[in-house]
Protein backbone atom coordinates (compact mmCIF):
# COMPACT_ATOMS: atom_id res chain seq x y z
CA MET A 1 30.83 -39.63 67.07
CA LYS A 2 33.62 -41.36 69.05
CA THR A 3 32.58 -44.75 67.60
CA ASN A 4 32.75 -43.36 64.06
CA ILE A 5 36.35 -42.00 64.69
CA ILE A 6 37.45 -45.33 66.04
CA ALA A 7 36.00 -47.16 63.09
CA THR A 8 37.63 -44.74 60.60
CA MET A 9 41.04 -45.16 62.31
CA ALA A 10 40.66 -48.95 62.22
CA LEU A 11 39.86 -48.82 58.46
CA LEU A 12 42.87 -46.58 57.78
CA LEU A 13 45.16 -48.93 59.75
CA SER A 14 43.76 -51.89 57.84
CA LEU A 15 44.35 -50.19 54.50
CA SER A 16 47.87 -49.22 55.48
CA ALA A 17 48.61 -52.78 56.53
CA ASN A 18 47.28 -54.15 53.30
CA ALA A 19 49.35 -51.58 51.31
CA ASN A 20 52.50 -52.62 53.17
CA GLN A 21 51.76 -56.29 52.42
CA ASP A 22 51.11 -55.47 48.75
CA SER A 23 54.36 -53.46 48.58
CA GLU A 24 56.34 -56.44 49.87
CA LEU A 25 54.49 -59.14 47.88
CA ILE A 26 56.14 -59.93 44.56
CA SER A 27 53.21 -60.29 42.15
CA LYS A 28 55.11 -60.57 38.86
CA VAL A 29 58.55 -61.51 37.52
CA LEU A 30 59.40 -60.67 33.93
CA VAL A 31 62.26 -62.42 32.15
CA LYS A 32 63.26 -61.57 28.61
CA GLU A 33 66.29 -61.81 26.32
CA ILE A 34 67.43 -58.43 25.13
CA LYS A 35 70.70 -59.06 23.24
CA THR A 36 72.85 -61.78 21.64
CA THR A 37 76.46 -61.55 20.53
CA ASN A 38 77.64 -64.49 18.46
CA GLN A 39 80.50 -64.63 15.96
CA THR A 40 82.61 -67.34 14.41
CA PHE A 41 86.00 -67.10 12.75
CA SER A 42 87.17 -70.65 12.16
CA GLU A 43 86.42 -70.45 8.38
CA ASN A 44 88.82 -67.51 8.05
CA LEU A 45 91.79 -69.21 9.67
CA PRO A 46 94.71 -70.00 7.34
CA TYR A 47 94.84 -73.70 8.17
CA SER A 48 92.36 -76.54 7.69
CA SER A 49 92.51 -78.14 11.21
CA CYS A 50 89.46 -76.12 12.31
CA ASP A 51 87.37 -77.25 9.36
CA ALA A 52 84.06 -78.35 10.80
CA ASN A 53 83.48 -80.56 7.78
CA LEU A 54 86.57 -82.72 8.42
CA ASP A 55 85.85 -86.49 8.22
CA ALA A 56 85.22 -87.52 11.82
CA LYS A 57 86.15 -91.11 11.15
CA THR A 58 89.56 -90.13 9.81
CA ALA A 59 90.34 -87.93 12.80
CA TYR A 60 89.07 -90.53 15.30
CA SER A 61 91.11 -93.32 13.77
CA SER A 62 94.36 -91.38 14.29
CA LEU A 63 93.85 -91.49 18.12
CA SER A 64 95.38 -94.03 20.52
CA SER A 65 93.10 -96.23 22.57
CA SER A 66 93.51 -94.08 25.69
CA GLU A 67 92.77 -90.89 23.71
CA LYS A 68 89.63 -92.42 22.27
CA ASN A 69 88.42 -93.22 25.80
CA SER A 70 89.27 -89.71 26.98
CA ILE A 71 87.63 -87.62 24.30
CA GLY A 72 84.18 -89.24 24.93
CA THR A 73 84.43 -88.80 28.70
CA ILE A 74 83.37 -85.19 29.22
CA ILE A 75 83.62 -83.64 32.67
CA ASN A 76 83.35 -80.25 34.29
CA VAL A 77 86.94 -79.52 35.27
CA ALA A 78 86.06 -76.16 36.93
CA LYS A 79 83.46 -75.08 39.40
CA LYS A 80 80.02 -76.67 39.96
CA THR A 81 78.52 -73.85 42.10
CA TRP A 82 79.36 -70.33 43.09
CA GLN A 83 77.78 -67.16 44.47
CA PHE A 84 76.50 -64.74 41.83
CA ILE A 85 75.01 -61.90 43.89
CA ILE A 86 75.30 -61.33 47.69
CA ASP A 87 73.15 -58.70 49.34
CA ASN A 88 72.60 -56.65 46.17
CA LYS A 89 76.23 -56.74 45.22
CA PRO A 90 77.66 -58.63 42.23
CA VAL A 91 80.31 -61.27 42.78
CA LEU A 92 82.80 -60.84 39.94
CA ASN A 93 85.63 -63.36 39.59
CA LEU A 94 85.76 -64.34 35.96
CA THR A 95 88.99 -66.32 36.37
CA GLN A 96 87.49 -68.70 38.95
CA ASN A 97 83.71 -68.52 38.68
CA THR A 98 83.29 -70.49 35.48
CA ALA A 99 82.65 -74.05 34.34
CA SER A 100 84.19 -76.03 31.49
CA ALA A 101 83.16 -79.21 29.74
CA LEU A 102 86.44 -80.88 28.59
CA PRO A 103 87.68 -84.36 27.81
CA LYS A 104 88.85 -86.20 30.92
CA GLY A 105 92.59 -86.53 31.31
CA ILE A 106 93.51 -84.26 28.37
CA PRO A 107 95.17 -80.96 29.23
CA TRP A 108 92.96 -78.01 28.17
CA ALA A 109 95.93 -76.23 26.65
CA THR A 110 96.17 -78.95 23.97
CA LEU A 111 92.66 -78.13 22.71
CA GLU A 112 92.45 -75.88 19.64
CA CYS A 113 90.01 -74.08 17.37
CA TRP A 114 88.09 -72.27 20.02
CA GLN A 115 85.41 -69.84 18.74
CA VAL A 116 84.62 -66.29 19.75
CA PRO A 117 82.64 -66.35 23.04
CA VAL A 118 78.89 -66.20 22.79
CA THR A 119 77.11 -63.72 25.05
CA LYS A 120 73.33 -63.65 25.62
CA THR A 121 71.86 -60.89 27.78
CA TYR A 122 68.72 -61.33 29.87
CA GLU A 123 66.76 -58.85 31.90
CA VAL A 124 64.76 -59.89 34.99
CA THR A 125 62.28 -57.45 36.54
CA TYR A 126 60.40 -57.86 39.85
CA ILE A 127 57.02 -56.10 40.24
CA ASN A 128 55.28 -55.86 43.64
CA GLY A 129 51.57 -55.90 44.58
CA LEU A 130 51.38 -52.12 43.98
CA GLN A 131 52.67 -52.66 40.37
CA MET A 132 56.00 -50.95 41.29
CA GLU A 133 59.33 -52.15 39.96
CA VAL A 134 61.23 -53.07 43.12
CA ALA A 135 64.20 -54.88 41.59
CA SER A 136 65.79 -55.56 38.20
CA LEU A 137 68.72 -57.59 37.11
CA GLN A 138 70.55 -57.73 33.81
CA LEU A 139 72.61 -60.90 33.44
CA GLN A 140 74.92 -62.15 30.67
CA VAL A 141 75.19 -65.91 29.86
CA ARG A 142 78.65 -66.31 28.31
CA TYR A 143 80.44 -69.38 27.00
CA THR A 144 83.26 -70.35 24.55
CA TYR A 145 82.65 -73.35 22.35
CA GLY A 146 84.19 -75.33 19.53
CA GLY A 147 87.50 -76.48 21.07
CA SER A 148 88.78 -79.77 19.71
CA TYR A 149 91.50 -82.29 20.42
CA LYS A 150 93.46 -83.37 17.31
CA GLN A 151 90.45 -82.40 15.32
CA ASN A 152 88.14 -84.59 17.46
CA GLY A 153 85.22 -83.41 19.50
CA ARG A 154 83.73 -80.06 20.28
CA TYR A 155 84.10 -78.78 23.86
CA LEU A 156 83.12 -75.90 26.08
CA LYS A 157 85.11 -73.57 28.35
CA HIS A 158 84.52 -70.50 30.50
CA VAL A 159 80.78 -71.11 30.83
CA THR A 160 79.49 -68.47 33.27
CA ILE A 161 76.86 -65.94 34.08
CA ILE A 162 77.83 -62.31 34.72
CA PRO A 163 75.68 -59.78 36.65
CA ALA A 164 75.75 -56.76 34.33
CA LYS A 165 73.34 -54.44 36.13
CA ILE A 166 71.58 -54.67 39.49
CA ASN A 167 68.93 -52.24 40.76
CA VAL A 168 67.14 -52.88 44.07
CA LEU A 169 64.87 -50.58 46.03
CA TRP A 170 65.69 -49.80 49.60
CA GLY A 171 64.24 -52.47 51.97
CA TYR A 172 64.76 -55.30 49.46
CA ARG A 173 67.68 -57.73 49.20
CA MET A 174 68.75 -59.79 46.24
CA ASP A 175 70.89 -62.90 46.44
CA ALA A 176 71.76 -65.34 43.68
CA ALA A 177 73.83 -68.45 43.04
CA ILE A 178 74.95 -70.45 39.96
CA THR A 179 74.81 -74.26 39.78
CA ILE A 180 75.98 -76.65 37.03
CA PRO A 181 73.54 -79.60 37.36
CA SER A 182 74.98 -81.75 34.55
CA THR A 183 77.77 -82.07 32.03
CA VAL A 184 77.21 -84.60 29.22
CA ASN A 185 78.16 -85.81 25.79
CA VAL A 186 75.39 -85.06 23.36
CA GLY A 187 77.25 -86.60 20.38
CA PRO A 188 78.52 -90.11 19.50
CA LEU A 189 81.61 -91.48 21.19
CA ASN A 190 83.75 -91.07 18.06
CA ALA A 191 82.57 -87.48 17.53
CA PRO A 192 81.73 -86.14 21.06
CA ILE A 193 79.99 -82.84 21.59
CA ALA A 194 80.05 -81.40 25.12
CA GLY A 195 76.75 -80.28 26.65
CA MET A 196 76.29 -78.35 29.85
CA GLU A 197 73.26 -77.19 31.87
CA ILE A 198 73.69 -73.96 33.90
CA GLN A 199 71.14 -72.75 36.39
CA ILE A 200 70.75 -69.48 38.25
CA ASP A 201 68.77 -69.42 41.52
CA TRP A 202 67.98 -66.09 43.07
CA ALA A 203 65.80 -64.59 45.82
CA ILE A 204 64.25 -61.19 46.58
CA SER A 205 63.53 -60.72 50.31
CA THR A 206 62.32 -58.18 52.82
CA ILE A 207 62.16 -58.50 56.59
CA MET A 208 58.68 -60.07 56.11
CA LYS A 209 58.73 -62.00 52.84
CA ILE A 210 60.94 -63.88 50.40
CA SER A 211 60.41 -64.67 46.69
CA THR A 212 62.57 -67.25 44.92
CA ARG A 213 63.10 -67.85 41.21
CA ASN A 214 65.32 -69.94 38.90
CA LEU A 215 66.25 -69.92 35.31
CA SER A 216 68.11 -72.71 33.40
CA PHE A 217 70.03 -72.84 30.11
CA PHE A 218 71.75 -75.57 28.06
CA VAL A 219 74.70 -74.94 25.85
CA ASN A 220 76.86 -77.29 23.72
CA GLY A 221 80.20 -77.55 21.99
CA VAL A 222 78.91 -76.48 18.57
CA GLY A 223 77.52 -73.25 19.99
CA ASP A 224 73.79 -74.13 20.37
CA PHE A 225 71.97 -72.37 23.22
CA HIS A 226 68.62 -73.32 24.75
CA GLU A 227 66.54 -71.71 27.50
CA LEU A 228 65.14 -74.67 29.46
CA LYS A 229 62.82 -73.26 32.09
CA SER A 230 61.91 -70.30 34.23
CA ASN A 231 60.24 -70.93 37.60
């Protein structure tokens, strides 16, 4: 009788330990786009300098030699990395936590014809081994595109990711950071188009386990958006 009681207690302890492990183990991460906001207004402006069909050769030939060198050299003049979420709390500083792909040596205030910002909203959900939702994150990828210098080039500004909603169960911690791996020119030198990759890395952790994940996007100066990978 005593042996049976001991065996039963051992089984219950084993099941409890396995349940605890399953509760902390992240078995599934779901990522999906849930909303896109995208508008343009350049065609409604009362002047022709924002006409996307303007002859690029004509605009380029009007530039000085130094200006021609500058418009094709596209750099990130803002941040390359910043914290996005710290211990389940969003880090909101939209005036500083952004990146911009602009022509080197040309003041950003001289660029014109910026378009309405594009916002794409994603939802990330963490499921544990017991098939419970233990954490969810709603994030917004936002960028402003279309800026040009004397009708040359298409550039990017205020590229960022905003934590819209964060829900984390007690006992779990979420942290995340943004990185800008590359800033490039995806167009020809005489008609440059800024391109920028933006990556979010985040982690869900307990006192016993940690699960990491990343998601990358690529945007360009004519407004195109691509989801690159999700690991």
